[in-house]
């Protein structure tokens, strides 16, 4: 991750994101872009409710750890390494950004994968094994059922409590990081490339 400083000496993080071409248009017209629920529903179609549910959780938890204005509801996903950015795609714009460090959250992408798939987020391999053994005792074959069905309130509480480990930098499941911001500001754009 590349960190720089602005003219006041405040840290900024260099990140990359691929967005629909309309995001560039909105940034040029309004100077600010925020994700709206209808964009998520359009992009994710039948899977939207699953993502919106964990996005709500993410927003509520992130707001305990950073300042997020009330109108900002959904994350914008960012790559912390240029070589890990998404590949080119028709109708998309690549943005290179420098975002103030207090406007961005960075975490282990593997941890997020556990959450978005409705899985228990372990502290380590031993903790994962312990939880899997517990599922066997309950005869649960599909772990996400704990969250998606209302039959296991205690296990669901244990699962959702484990998700708070997303924000614990001492717990590492991988070396790959991802970042989120709750808006994009035109002032943060260092460069962009549009693919027609």
N, C-alpha and C. Protein backbone atom coordinates (compact mmCIF):
# COMPACT_ATOMS: atom_id res chain seq x y z
N UNK A 1 0.84 -1.18 0.00
CA UNK A 1 0.00 0.00 0.00
C UNK A 1 0.88 1.23 0.00
N UNK A 2 0.53 2.15 -0.86
CA UNK A 2 1.31 3.37 -0.99
C UNK A 2 0.61 4.51 -0.25
N UNK A 3 1.32 5.10 0.69
CA UNK A 3 0.79 6.22 1.45
C UNK A 3 1.54 7.49 1.08
N UNK A 4 0.79 8.59 0.92
CA UNK A 4 1.37 9.90 0.66
C UNK A 4 0.79 10.86 1.69
N UNK A 5 1.13 12.13 1.58
CA UNK A 5 0.58 13.14 2.49
C UNK A 5 0.09 14.32 1.68
N UNK A 6 -0.97 14.98 2.17
CA UNK A 6 -1.45 16.18 1.50
C UNK A 6 -0.65 17.38 1.99
N UNK A 7 -1.04 18.58 1.55
CA UNK A 7 -0.28 19.79 1.89
C UNK A 7 -0.27 20.08 3.39
N UNK A 8 -1.25 19.53 4.13
CA UNK A 8 -1.29 19.72 5.59
C UNK A 8 -0.53 18.62 6.33
N UNK A 9 0.02 17.68 5.59
CA UNK A 9 0.75 16.58 6.21
C UNK A 9 -0.12 15.41 6.61
N UNK A 10 -1.43 15.45 6.24
CA UNK A 10 -2.33 14.36 6.58
C UNK A 10 -2.10 13.19 5.61
N UNK A 11 -2.10 11.96 6.12
CA UNK A 11 -1.85 10.80 5.25
C UNK A 11 -2.98 10.52 4.27
N UNK A 12 -2.58 10.09 3.07
CA UNK A 12 -3.51 9.67 2.03
C UNK A 12 -3.05 8.30 1.53
N UNK A 13 -3.99 7.51 1.09
CA UNK A 13 -3.68 6.18 0.58
C UNK A 13 -3.98 6.14 -0.91
N UNK A 14 -3.02 5.64 -1.71
CA UNK A 14 -3.23 5.48 -3.15
C UNK A 14 -3.94 4.16 -3.39
N UNK A 15 -5.08 4.24 -4.11
CA UNK A 15 -5.91 3.07 -4.38
C UNK A 15 -6.43 3.13 -5.82
N UNK A 16 -7.01 2.01 -6.27
CA UNK A 16 -7.53 1.90 -7.63
C UNK A 16 -8.91 1.28 -7.57
N UNK A 17 -9.76 1.70 -8.50
CA UNK A 17 -11.09 1.11 -8.59
C UNK A 17 -11.58 1.15 -10.04
N UNK A 18 -12.40 0.17 -10.37
CA UNK A 18 -13.04 0.13 -11.68
C UNK A 18 -14.52 0.40 -11.45
N UNK A 19 -15.02 1.40 -12.16
CA UNK A 19 -16.41 1.79 -11.99
C UNK A 19 -17.07 1.96 -13.35
N UNK A 20 -18.38 1.92 -13.36
CA UNK A 20 -19.14 2.15 -14.58
C UNK A 20 -18.85 3.57 -15.09
N UNK A 21 -18.92 3.75 -16.39
CA UNK A 21 -18.61 5.06 -16.99
C UNK A 21 -19.47 6.19 -16.44
N UNK A 22 -20.66 5.87 -15.94
CA UNK A 22 -21.53 6.91 -15.38
C UNK A 22 -20.94 7.53 -14.12
N UNK A 23 -20.07 6.81 -13.43
CA UNK A 23 -19.44 7.36 -12.23
C UNK A 23 -18.55 8.55 -12.62
N UNK A 24 -17.83 8.42 -13.72
CA UNK A 24 -17.00 9.53 -14.20
C UNK A 24 -17.87 10.74 -14.53
N UNK A 25 -18.99 10.50 -15.18
CA UNK A 25 -19.92 11.57 -15.53
C UNK A 25 -20.45 12.27 -14.27
N UNK A 26 -20.83 11.50 -13.28
CA UNK A 26 -21.34 12.07 -12.02
C UNK A 26 -20.25 12.87 -11.31
N UNK A 27 -19.02 12.34 -11.29
CA UNK A 27 -17.91 13.06 -10.65
C UNK A 27 -17.66 14.40 -11.34
N UNK A 28 -17.71 14.40 -12.66
CA UNK A 28 -17.47 15.65 -13.39
C UNK A 28 -18.59 16.66 -13.19
N UNK A 29 -19.82 16.16 -13.10
CA UNK A 29 -20.97 17.06 -12.94
C UNK A 29 -21.15 17.55 -11.50
N UNK A 30 -21.01 16.63 -10.55
CA UNK A 30 -21.33 16.94 -9.16
C UNK A 30 -20.11 17.02 -8.24
N UNK A 31 -18.98 16.46 -8.69
CA UNK A 31 -17.77 16.46 -7.86
C UNK A 31 -17.76 15.39 -6.79
N UNK A 32 -18.83 14.60 -6.71
CA UNK A 32 -18.98 13.61 -5.66
C UNK A 32 -19.82 12.44 -6.17
N UNK A 33 -19.43 11.23 -5.81
CA UNK A 33 -20.21 10.05 -6.19
C UNK A 33 -20.48 9.21 -4.95
N UNK A 34 -21.74 8.76 -4.83
CA UNK A 34 -22.15 7.86 -3.76
C UNK A 34 -22.93 6.72 -4.37
N UNK A 35 -22.71 5.52 -3.86
CA UNK A 35 -23.44 4.35 -4.35
C UNK A 35 -24.88 4.43 -3.85
N UNK A 36 -25.80 4.16 -4.74
CA UNK A 36 -27.21 4.12 -4.38
C UNK A 36 -27.68 2.66 -4.43
N UNK A 37 -28.66 2.36 -3.61
CA UNK A 37 -29.17 0.99 -3.53
C UNK A 37 -29.62 0.48 -4.90
N UNK A 38 -30.24 1.34 -5.69
CA UNK A 38 -30.73 0.89 -7.00
C UNK A 38 -29.59 0.43 -7.91
N UNK A 39 -28.39 1.03 -7.76
CA UNK A 39 -27.23 0.58 -8.55
C UNK A 39 -26.84 -0.85 -8.17
N UNK A 40 -26.87 -1.12 -6.87
CA UNK A 40 -26.52 -2.47 -6.38
C UNK A 40 -27.56 -3.47 -6.89
N UNK A 41 -28.82 -3.10 -6.78
CA UNK A 41 -29.88 -4.01 -7.24
C UNK A 41 -29.78 -4.28 -8.74
N UNK A 42 -29.46 -3.26 -9.50
CA UNK A 42 -29.33 -3.44 -10.96
C UNK A 42 -28.14 -4.34 -11.29
N UNK A 43 -27.03 -4.10 -10.62
CA UNK A 43 -25.81 -4.88 -10.91
C UNK A 43 -25.91 -6.33 -10.44
N UNK A 44 -26.46 -6.54 -9.25
CA UNK A 44 -26.44 -7.86 -8.63
C UNK A 44 -27.74 -8.65 -8.79
N UNK A 45 -28.78 -8.00 -9.25
CA UNK A 45 -30.05 -8.64 -9.57
C UNK A 45 -30.54 -9.52 -8.41
N UNK A 46 -30.64 -10.83 -8.62
CA UNK A 46 -31.20 -11.74 -7.61
C UNK A 46 -30.35 -11.86 -6.36
N UNK A 47 -29.07 -11.56 -6.44
CA UNK A 47 -28.16 -11.67 -5.29
C UNK A 47 -28.12 -10.39 -4.45
N UNK A 48 -28.82 -9.35 -4.89
CA UNK A 48 -28.70 -8.04 -4.25
C UNK A 48 -29.04 -8.07 -2.77
N UNK A 49 -30.11 -8.76 -2.39
CA UNK A 49 -30.52 -8.76 -0.98
C UNK A 49 -29.44 -9.34 -0.07
N UNK A 50 -28.74 -10.35 -0.54
CA UNK A 50 -27.66 -10.94 0.25
C UNK A 50 -26.57 -9.90 0.51
N UNK A 51 -26.16 -9.20 -0.52
CA UNK A 51 -25.13 -8.18 -0.37
C UNK A 51 -25.62 -7.00 0.45
N UNK A 52 -26.84 -6.56 0.21
CA UNK A 52 -27.37 -5.41 0.95
C UNK A 52 -27.42 -5.69 2.44
N UNK A 53 -27.71 -6.93 2.80
CA UNK A 53 -27.75 -7.30 4.21
C UNK A 53 -26.38 -7.17 4.87
N UNK A 54 -25.34 -7.71 4.23
CA UNK A 54 -24.00 -7.60 4.82
C UNK A 54 -23.44 -6.18 4.68
N UNK A 55 -23.85 -5.45 3.64
CA UNK A 55 -23.44 -4.04 3.54
C UNK A 55 -24.00 -3.22 4.69
N UNK A 56 -25.25 -3.53 5.07
CA UNK A 56 -25.85 -2.83 6.21
C UNK A 56 -25.03 -3.12 7.47
N UNK A 57 -24.69 -4.39 7.67
CA UNK A 57 -23.86 -4.76 8.82
C UNK A 57 -22.52 -4.02 8.75
N UNK A 58 -21.87 -4.03 7.58
CA UNK A 58 -20.57 -3.39 7.41
C UNK A 58 -20.65 -1.90 7.71
N UNK A 59 -21.67 -1.25 7.21
CA UNK A 59 -21.82 0.19 7.44
C UNK A 59 -21.99 0.50 8.92
N UNK A 60 -22.84 -0.29 9.61
CA UNK A 60 -23.07 -0.07 11.04
C UNK A 60 -21.80 -0.28 11.86
N UNK A 61 -21.06 -1.31 11.52
CA UNK A 61 -19.82 -1.59 12.25
C UNK A 61 -18.72 -0.58 11.92
N UNK A 62 -18.62 -0.21 10.65
CA UNK A 62 -17.60 0.76 10.24
C UNK A 62 -17.85 2.12 10.91
N UNK A 63 -19.15 2.48 11.07
CA UNK A 63 -19.50 3.76 11.68
C UNK A 63 -19.06 3.84 13.15
N UNK A 64 -18.81 2.69 13.77
CA UNK A 64 -18.29 2.68 15.14
C UNK A 64 -16.79 2.97 15.17
N UNK A 65 -16.15 2.88 13.99
CA UNK A 65 -14.70 2.97 13.92
C UNK A 65 -14.19 4.15 13.11
N UNK A 66 -15.09 4.79 12.36
CA UNK A 66 -14.73 5.96 11.57
C UNK A 66 -15.96 6.85 11.39
N UNK A 67 -15.73 8.08 11.06
CA UNK A 67 -16.86 8.99 10.84
C UNK A 67 -17.44 8.75 9.45
N UNK A 68 -18.74 8.42 9.42
CA UNK A 68 -19.46 8.21 8.16
C UNK A 68 -20.74 9.02 8.24
N UNK A 69 -20.91 9.95 7.33
CA UNK A 69 -22.12 10.77 7.34
C UNK A 69 -23.36 9.89 7.12
N UNK A 70 -24.46 10.30 7.69
CA UNK A 70 -25.70 9.51 7.69
C UNK A 70 -26.15 9.10 6.28
N UNK A 71 -25.99 9.98 5.30
CA UNK A 71 -26.49 9.68 3.95
C UNK A 71 -25.61 8.67 3.19
N UNK A 72 -24.45 8.35 3.71
CA UNK A 72 -23.56 7.39 3.06
C UNK A 72 -23.91 5.99 3.54
N UNK A 73 -24.42 5.16 2.66
CA UNK A 73 -24.95 3.85 3.06
C UNK A 73 -24.17 2.65 2.53
N UNK A 74 -23.52 2.79 1.36
CA UNK A 74 -22.94 1.62 0.71
C UNK A 74 -21.47 1.86 0.35
N UNK A 75 -20.66 0.81 0.45
CA UNK A 75 -19.22 0.97 0.21
C UNK A 75 -18.86 1.00 -1.28
N UNK A 76 -17.75 1.66 -1.54
CA UNK A 76 -17.12 1.64 -2.86
C UNK A 76 -15.85 0.82 -2.66
N UNK A 77 -15.70 -0.23 -3.45
CA UNK A 77 -14.58 -1.16 -3.27
C UNK A 77 -13.35 -0.66 -4.02
N UNK A 78 -12.21 -0.78 -3.36
CA UNK A 78 -10.95 -0.24 -3.87
C UNK A 78 -9.85 -1.27 -3.74
N UNK A 79 -8.95 -1.28 -4.69
CA UNK A 79 -7.77 -2.13 -4.63
C UNK A 79 -6.63 -1.35 -4.00
N UNK A 80 -5.90 -1.98 -3.09
CA UNK A 80 -4.78 -1.31 -2.44
C UNK A 80 -3.46 -1.53 -3.17
N UNK A 81 -3.48 -2.40 -4.17
CA UNK A 81 -2.28 -2.69 -4.97
C UNK A 81 -2.65 -2.58 -6.45
N UNK A 82 -1.88 -1.83 -7.20
CA UNK A 82 -2.21 -1.61 -8.60
C UNK A 82 -2.31 -2.92 -9.38
N UNK A 83 -1.42 -3.87 -9.09
CA UNK A 83 -1.42 -5.13 -9.83
C UNK A 83 -2.63 -6.02 -9.49
N UNK A 84 -3.37 -5.68 -8.43
CA UNK A 84 -4.54 -6.46 -8.04
C UNK A 84 -5.86 -5.83 -8.50
N UNK A 85 -5.77 -4.73 -9.24
CA UNK A 85 -7.01 -4.08 -9.69
C UNK A 85 -7.72 -4.96 -10.70
N UNK A 86 -9.00 -4.73 -10.84
CA UNK A 86 -9.83 -5.53 -11.75
C UNK A 86 -9.39 -5.32 -13.20
N UNK A 87 -9.58 -6.32 -14.05
CA UNK A 87 -9.19 -6.18 -15.46
C UNK A 87 -10.09 -5.21 -16.22
N UNK A 88 -9.60 -4.77 -17.36
CA UNK A 88 -10.35 -3.83 -18.22
C UNK A 88 -11.66 -4.47 -18.64
N UNK A 89 -12.66 -3.62 -18.81
CA UNK A 89 -13.96 -4.10 -19.28
C UNK A 89 -14.65 -2.97 -20.04
N UNK A 90 -15.44 -3.36 -21.00
CA UNK A 90 -16.15 -2.39 -21.84
C UNK A 90 -17.08 -1.52 -21.00
N UNK A 91 -17.06 -0.22 -21.28
CA UNK A 91 -17.95 0.71 -20.59
C UNK A 91 -17.53 1.05 -19.17
N UNK A 92 -16.31 0.68 -18.81
CA UNK A 92 -15.82 0.90 -17.45
C UNK A 92 -14.69 1.92 -17.43
N UNK A 93 -14.51 2.54 -16.28
CA UNK A 93 -13.45 3.52 -16.08
C UNK A 93 -12.56 3.04 -14.94
N UNK A 94 -11.25 3.08 -15.17
CA UNK A 94 -10.30 2.81 -14.09
C UNK A 94 -9.93 4.14 -13.45
N UNK A 95 -10.02 4.19 -12.14
CA UNK A 95 -9.62 5.38 -11.41
C UNK A 95 -8.40 5.06 -10.56
N UNK A 96 -7.44 5.96 -10.58
CA UNK A 96 -6.35 5.95 -9.61
C UNK A 96 -6.65 7.12 -8.68
N UNK A 97 -6.67 6.83 -7.38
CA UNK A 97 -7.12 7.82 -6.41
C UNK A 97 -6.13 7.96 -5.27
N UNK A 98 -6.13 9.12 -4.65
CA UNK A 98 -5.44 9.33 -3.38
C UNK A 98 -6.50 9.81 -2.40
N UNK A 99 -6.85 8.93 -1.47
CA UNK A 99 -7.95 9.21 -0.55
C UNK A 99 -7.39 9.46 0.85
N UNK A 100 -7.87 10.51 1.52
CA UNK A 100 -7.43 10.75 2.90
C UNK A 100 -7.63 9.49 3.75
N UNK A 101 -6.64 9.17 4.54
CA UNK A 101 -6.64 7.92 5.32
C UNK A 101 -7.87 7.82 6.24
N UNK A 102 -8.38 8.94 6.71
CA UNK A 102 -9.54 8.88 7.60
C UNK A 102 -10.86 8.67 6.84
N UNK A 103 -10.81 8.62 5.51
CA UNK A 103 -12.00 8.40 4.68
C UNK A 103 -12.02 7.01 4.06
N UNK A 104 -11.10 6.18 4.50
CA UNK A 104 -10.94 4.86 3.88
C UNK A 104 -10.70 3.82 4.96
N UNK A 105 -11.17 2.61 4.70
CA UNK A 105 -10.96 1.51 5.63
C UNK A 105 -10.30 0.38 4.85
N UNK A 106 -9.27 -0.22 5.43
CA UNK A 106 -8.52 -1.30 4.77
C UNK A 106 -8.64 -2.55 5.63
N UNK A 107 -8.89 -3.69 4.98
CA UNK A 107 -8.94 -4.95 5.72
C UNK A 107 -8.58 -6.12 4.82
N UNK A 108 -8.39 -7.25 5.45
CA UNK A 108 -8.02 -8.52 4.82
C UNK A 108 -9.20 -9.00 3.96
N UNK A 109 -8.95 -9.20 2.68
CA UNK A 109 -10.03 -9.59 1.76
C UNK A 109 -10.59 -10.98 2.09
N UNK A 110 -9.77 -11.87 2.62
CA UNK A 110 -10.26 -13.20 2.97
C UNK A 110 -11.26 -13.12 4.13
N UNK A 111 -11.03 -12.19 5.05
CA UNK A 111 -11.99 -12.00 6.13
C UNK A 111 -13.35 -11.57 5.56
N UNK A 112 -13.31 -10.65 4.60
CA UNK A 112 -14.57 -10.21 3.99
C UNK A 112 -15.26 -11.37 3.29
N UNK A 113 -14.50 -12.24 2.64
CA UNK A 113 -15.09 -13.40 1.97
C UNK A 113 -15.90 -14.26 2.94
N UNK A 114 -15.41 -14.43 4.16
CA UNK A 114 -16.16 -15.19 5.16
C UNK A 114 -17.51 -14.51 5.42
N UNK A 115 -17.48 -13.21 5.58
CA UNK A 115 -18.70 -12.47 5.92
C UNK A 115 -19.72 -12.50 4.78
N UNK A 116 -19.27 -12.18 3.58
CA UNK A 116 -20.19 -12.10 2.45
C UNK A 116 -20.77 -13.47 2.08
N UNK A 117 -20.11 -14.53 2.52
CA UNK A 117 -20.62 -15.88 2.29
C UNK A 117 -21.35 -16.44 3.51
N UNK A 118 -21.60 -15.57 4.50
CA UNK A 118 -22.31 -15.96 5.73
C UNK A 118 -21.63 -17.13 6.43
N UNK A 119 -20.35 -16.96 6.68
CA UNK A 119 -19.57 -17.96 7.38
C UNK A 119 -19.01 -17.38 8.67
N UNK A 120 -18.71 -18.25 9.60
CA UNK A 120 -18.04 -17.87 10.83
C UNK A 120 -16.63 -17.41 10.50
N UNK A 121 -16.23 -16.25 11.00
CA UNK A 121 -14.90 -15.69 10.74
C UNK A 121 -13.97 -16.10 11.88
N UNK A 122 -13.08 -17.06 11.62
CA UNK A 122 -12.25 -17.60 12.71
C UNK A 122 -11.07 -16.71 13.08
N UNK A 123 -10.58 -16.91 14.31
CA UNK A 123 -9.36 -16.23 14.77
C UNK A 123 -8.14 -16.84 14.09
N UNK A 124 -8.23 -18.16 13.86
CA UNK A 124 -7.11 -18.92 13.30
C UNK A 124 -7.64 -20.29 12.86
N UNK A 125 -6.74 -21.16 12.42
CA UNK A 125 -7.15 -22.48 11.93
C UNK A 125 -7.79 -23.33 13.02
N UNK A 126 -7.27 -23.23 14.23
CA UNK A 126 -7.82 -24.02 15.33
C UNK A 126 -9.25 -23.58 15.65
N UNK A 127 -9.48 -22.29 15.61
CA UNK A 127 -10.82 -21.77 15.87
C UNK A 127 -11.79 -22.21 14.77
N UNK A 128 -11.33 -22.23 13.55
CA UNK A 128 -12.17 -22.70 12.43
C UNK A 128 -12.54 -24.16 12.64
N UNK A 129 -11.56 -24.95 13.03
CA UNK A 129 -11.79 -26.38 13.26
C UNK A 129 -12.80 -26.57 14.40
N UNK A 130 -12.66 -25.80 15.47
CA UNK A 130 -13.57 -25.88 16.61
C UNK A 130 -15.01 -25.58 16.18
N UNK A 131 -15.18 -24.55 15.37
CA UNK A 131 -16.52 -24.18 14.93
C UNK A 131 -17.11 -25.24 14.00
N UNK A 132 -16.29 -25.80 13.13
CA UNK A 132 -16.75 -26.87 12.23
C UNK A 132 -17.23 -28.09 13.04
N UNK A 133 -16.51 -28.41 14.11
CA UNK A 133 -16.91 -29.52 14.99
C UNK A 133 -18.27 -29.22 15.64
N UNK A 134 -18.47 -27.99 16.02
CA UNK A 134 -19.74 -27.59 16.60
C UNK A 134 -20.88 -27.78 15.59
N UNK A 135 -20.62 -27.43 14.33
CA UNK A 135 -21.64 -27.61 13.29
C UNK A 135 -21.99 -29.08 13.11
N UNK A 136 -20.99 -29.95 13.21
CA UNK A 136 -21.24 -31.39 13.10
C UNK A 136 -22.16 -31.87 14.21
N UNK A 137 -21.95 -31.36 15.43
CA UNK A 137 -22.79 -31.75 16.56
C UNK A 137 -24.25 -31.35 16.34
N UNK A 138 -24.44 -30.23 15.67
CA UNK A 138 -25.79 -29.76 15.36
C UNK A 138 -26.32 -30.36 14.06
N UNK A 139 -25.50 -31.15 13.40
CA UNK A 139 -25.85 -31.76 12.12
C UNK A 139 -26.17 -30.70 11.05
N UNK A 140 -25.35 -29.65 11.02
CA UNK A 140 -25.50 -28.57 10.05
C UNK A 140 -24.49 -28.79 8.93
N UNK A 141 -24.98 -28.99 7.72
CA UNK A 141 -24.10 -29.24 6.58
C UNK A 141 -23.78 -27.98 5.79
N UNK A 142 -24.68 -27.01 5.80
CA UNK A 142 -24.49 -25.77 5.05
C UNK A 142 -24.37 -24.64 6.07
N UNK A 143 -23.17 -24.16 6.26
CA UNK A 143 -22.90 -23.19 7.32
C UNK A 143 -23.72 -21.91 7.19
N UNK A 144 -23.95 -21.46 5.98
CA UNK A 144 -24.70 -20.22 5.78
C UNK A 144 -26.16 -20.33 6.26
N UNK A 145 -26.67 -21.57 6.41
CA UNK A 145 -28.02 -21.76 6.94
C UNK A 145 -28.17 -21.17 8.34
N UNK A 146 -27.08 -21.12 9.08
CA UNK A 146 -27.12 -20.54 10.42
C UNK A 146 -27.63 -19.11 10.35
N UNK A 147 -27.16 -18.39 9.37
CA UNK A 147 -27.56 -17.00 9.22
C UNK A 147 -28.88 -16.86 8.48
N UNK A 148 -29.05 -17.62 7.42
CA UNK A 148 -30.19 -17.45 6.52
C UNK A 148 -31.49 -18.06 7.02
N UNK A 149 -31.39 -18.97 8.00
CA UNK A 149 -32.58 -19.57 8.58
C UNK A 149 -32.65 -19.15 10.05
N UNK A 150 -33.83 -19.23 10.61
CA UNK A 150 -34.01 -18.77 11.99
C UNK A 150 -34.03 -19.91 13.01
N UNK A 151 -33.32 -20.98 12.72
CA UNK A 151 -33.35 -22.14 13.60
C UNK A 151 -32.20 -22.16 14.62
N UNK A 152 -31.21 -21.32 14.43
CA UNK A 152 -29.99 -21.41 15.24
C UNK A 152 -29.60 -20.05 15.82
N UNK A 153 -30.42 -19.46 16.69
CA UNK A 153 -30.13 -18.09 17.16
C UNK A 153 -28.79 -17.95 17.88
N UNK A 154 -28.41 -18.93 18.68
CA UNK A 154 -27.12 -18.84 19.40
C UNK A 154 -25.94 -18.94 18.45
N UNK A 155 -26.04 -19.86 17.51
CA UNK A 155 -24.96 -20.00 16.53
C UNK A 155 -24.89 -18.76 15.64
N UNK A 156 -26.05 -18.22 15.30
CA UNK A 156 -26.07 -17.00 14.48
C UNK A 156 -25.40 -15.85 15.23
N UNK A 157 -25.67 -15.73 16.52
CA UNK A 157 -25.03 -14.69 17.33
C UNK A 157 -23.52 -14.89 17.38
N UNK A 158 -23.09 -16.14 17.54
CA UNK A 158 -21.66 -16.44 17.56
C UNK A 158 -21.02 -16.08 16.21
N UNK A 159 -21.74 -16.40 15.14
CA UNK A 159 -21.23 -16.11 13.81
C UNK A 159 -21.10 -14.60 13.60
N UNK A 160 -22.17 -13.86 13.82
CA UNK A 160 -22.12 -12.42 13.55
C UNK A 160 -21.15 -11.70 14.49
N UNK A 161 -20.99 -12.19 15.70
CA UNK A 161 -19.97 -11.61 16.60
C UNK A 161 -18.57 -11.83 16.05
N UNK A 162 -18.37 -12.99 15.43
CA UNK A 162 -17.05 -13.29 14.86
C UNK A 162 -16.69 -12.33 13.73
N UNK A 163 -17.68 -11.78 13.06
CA UNK A 163 -17.43 -10.89 11.93
C UNK A 163 -16.71 -9.62 12.36
N UNK A 164 -16.82 -9.25 13.62
CA UNK A 164 -16.12 -8.05 14.08
C UNK A 164 -14.60 -8.19 13.97
N UNK A 165 -14.14 -9.40 13.80
CA UNK A 165 -12.70 -9.63 13.59
C UNK A 165 -12.21 -9.01 12.28
N UNK A 166 -13.13 -8.66 11.41
CA UNK A 166 -12.77 -7.97 10.17
C UNK A 166 -11.91 -6.74 10.49
N UNK A 167 -12.20 -6.10 11.61
CA UNK A 167 -11.54 -4.84 11.97
C UNK A 167 -10.34 -5.03 12.89
N UNK A 168 -10.04 -6.27 13.24
CA UNK A 168 -8.91 -6.55 14.13
C UNK A 168 -7.68 -6.86 13.28
N UNK A 169 -6.77 -5.91 13.21
CA UNK A 169 -5.58 -6.08 12.36
C UNK A 169 -4.61 -7.13 12.91
N UNK A 170 -4.79 -7.55 14.16
CA UNK A 170 -3.93 -8.59 14.72
C UNK A 170 -4.32 -9.98 14.22
N UNK A 171 -5.53 -10.11 13.71
CA UNK A 171 -5.98 -11.39 13.15
C UNK A 171 -5.82 -11.32 11.64
N UNK A 172 -4.90 -12.14 11.11
CA UNK A 172 -4.62 -12.16 9.67
C UNK A 172 -4.94 -13.53 9.10
N UNK A 173 -5.76 -13.53 8.07
CA UNK A 173 -6.04 -14.78 7.36
C UNK A 173 -5.33 -14.82 6.02
N UNK A 174 -4.98 -13.64 5.50
CA UNK A 174 -4.22 -13.57 4.25
C UNK A 174 -3.44 -12.26 4.23
N UNK A 175 -2.58 -12.11 3.23
CA UNK A 175 -1.81 -10.87 3.08
C UNK A 175 -2.47 -9.91 2.08
N UNK A 176 -3.58 -10.34 1.48
CA UNK A 176 -4.24 -9.51 0.47
C UNK A 176 -5.23 -8.57 1.15
N UNK A 177 -5.08 -7.31 0.82
CA UNK A 177 -5.92 -6.27 1.41
C UNK A 177 -6.87 -5.69 0.37
N UNK A 178 -8.00 -5.23 0.86
CA UNK A 178 -8.97 -4.50 0.06
C UNK A 178 -9.35 -3.27 0.87
N UNK A 179 -9.85 -2.26 0.20
CA UNK A 179 -10.24 -1.04 0.91
C UNK A 179 -11.63 -0.63 0.48
N UNK A 180 -12.27 0.14 1.35
CA UNK A 180 -13.56 0.72 1.01
C UNK A 180 -13.56 2.19 1.40
N UNK A 181 -14.32 2.93 0.63
CA UNK A 181 -14.63 4.31 0.97
C UNK A 181 -16.14 4.43 0.81
N UNK A 182 -16.73 5.41 1.42
CA UNK A 182 -18.18 5.55 1.38
C UNK A 182 -18.63 6.55 0.34
N UNK A 183 -17.67 7.17 -0.34
CA UNK A 183 -17.95 8.10 -1.43
C UNK A 183 -16.67 8.30 -2.23
N UNK A 184 -16.80 8.85 -3.43
CA UNK A 184 -15.65 9.27 -4.22
C UNK A 184 -15.76 10.76 -4.42
N UNK A 185 -14.64 11.44 -4.27
CA UNK A 185 -14.58 12.88 -4.44
C UNK A 185 -13.70 13.17 -5.66
N UNK A 186 -14.14 14.07 -6.51
CA UNK A 186 -13.38 14.39 -7.72
C UNK A 186 -11.95 14.83 -7.38
N UNK A 187 -11.78 15.49 -6.24
CA UNK A 187 -10.45 15.95 -5.82
C UNK A 187 -9.48 14.80 -5.55
N UNK A 188 -10.00 13.61 -5.30
CA UNK A 188 -9.15 12.47 -5.01
C UNK A 188 -8.61 11.78 -6.26
N UNK A 189 -9.16 12.11 -7.41
CA UNK A 189 -8.77 11.44 -8.66
C UNK A 189 -7.39 11.92 -9.09
N UNK A 190 -6.45 10.98 -9.18
CA UNK A 190 -5.10 11.27 -9.67
C UNK A 190 -5.08 11.06 -11.18
N UNK A 191 -5.74 10.01 -11.64
CA UNK A 191 -5.76 9.67 -13.05
C UNK A 191 -6.95 8.75 -13.31
N UNK A 192 -7.38 8.67 -14.54
CA UNK A 192 -8.41 7.71 -14.92
C UNK A 192 -8.22 7.31 -16.37
N UNK A 193 -8.76 6.13 -16.68
CA UNK A 193 -8.68 5.59 -18.04
C UNK A 193 -10.02 4.97 -18.37
N UNK A 194 -10.60 5.42 -19.48
CA UNK A 194 -11.90 4.92 -19.90
C UNK A 194 -11.73 3.92 -21.03
N UNK A 195 -12.40 2.77 -20.91
CA UNK A 195 -12.39 1.77 -21.98
C UNK A 195 -13.75 1.74 -22.63
N UNK A 196 -13.79 2.06 -23.93
CA UNK A 196 -15.05 2.07 -24.68
C UNK A 196 -15.40 0.68 -25.19
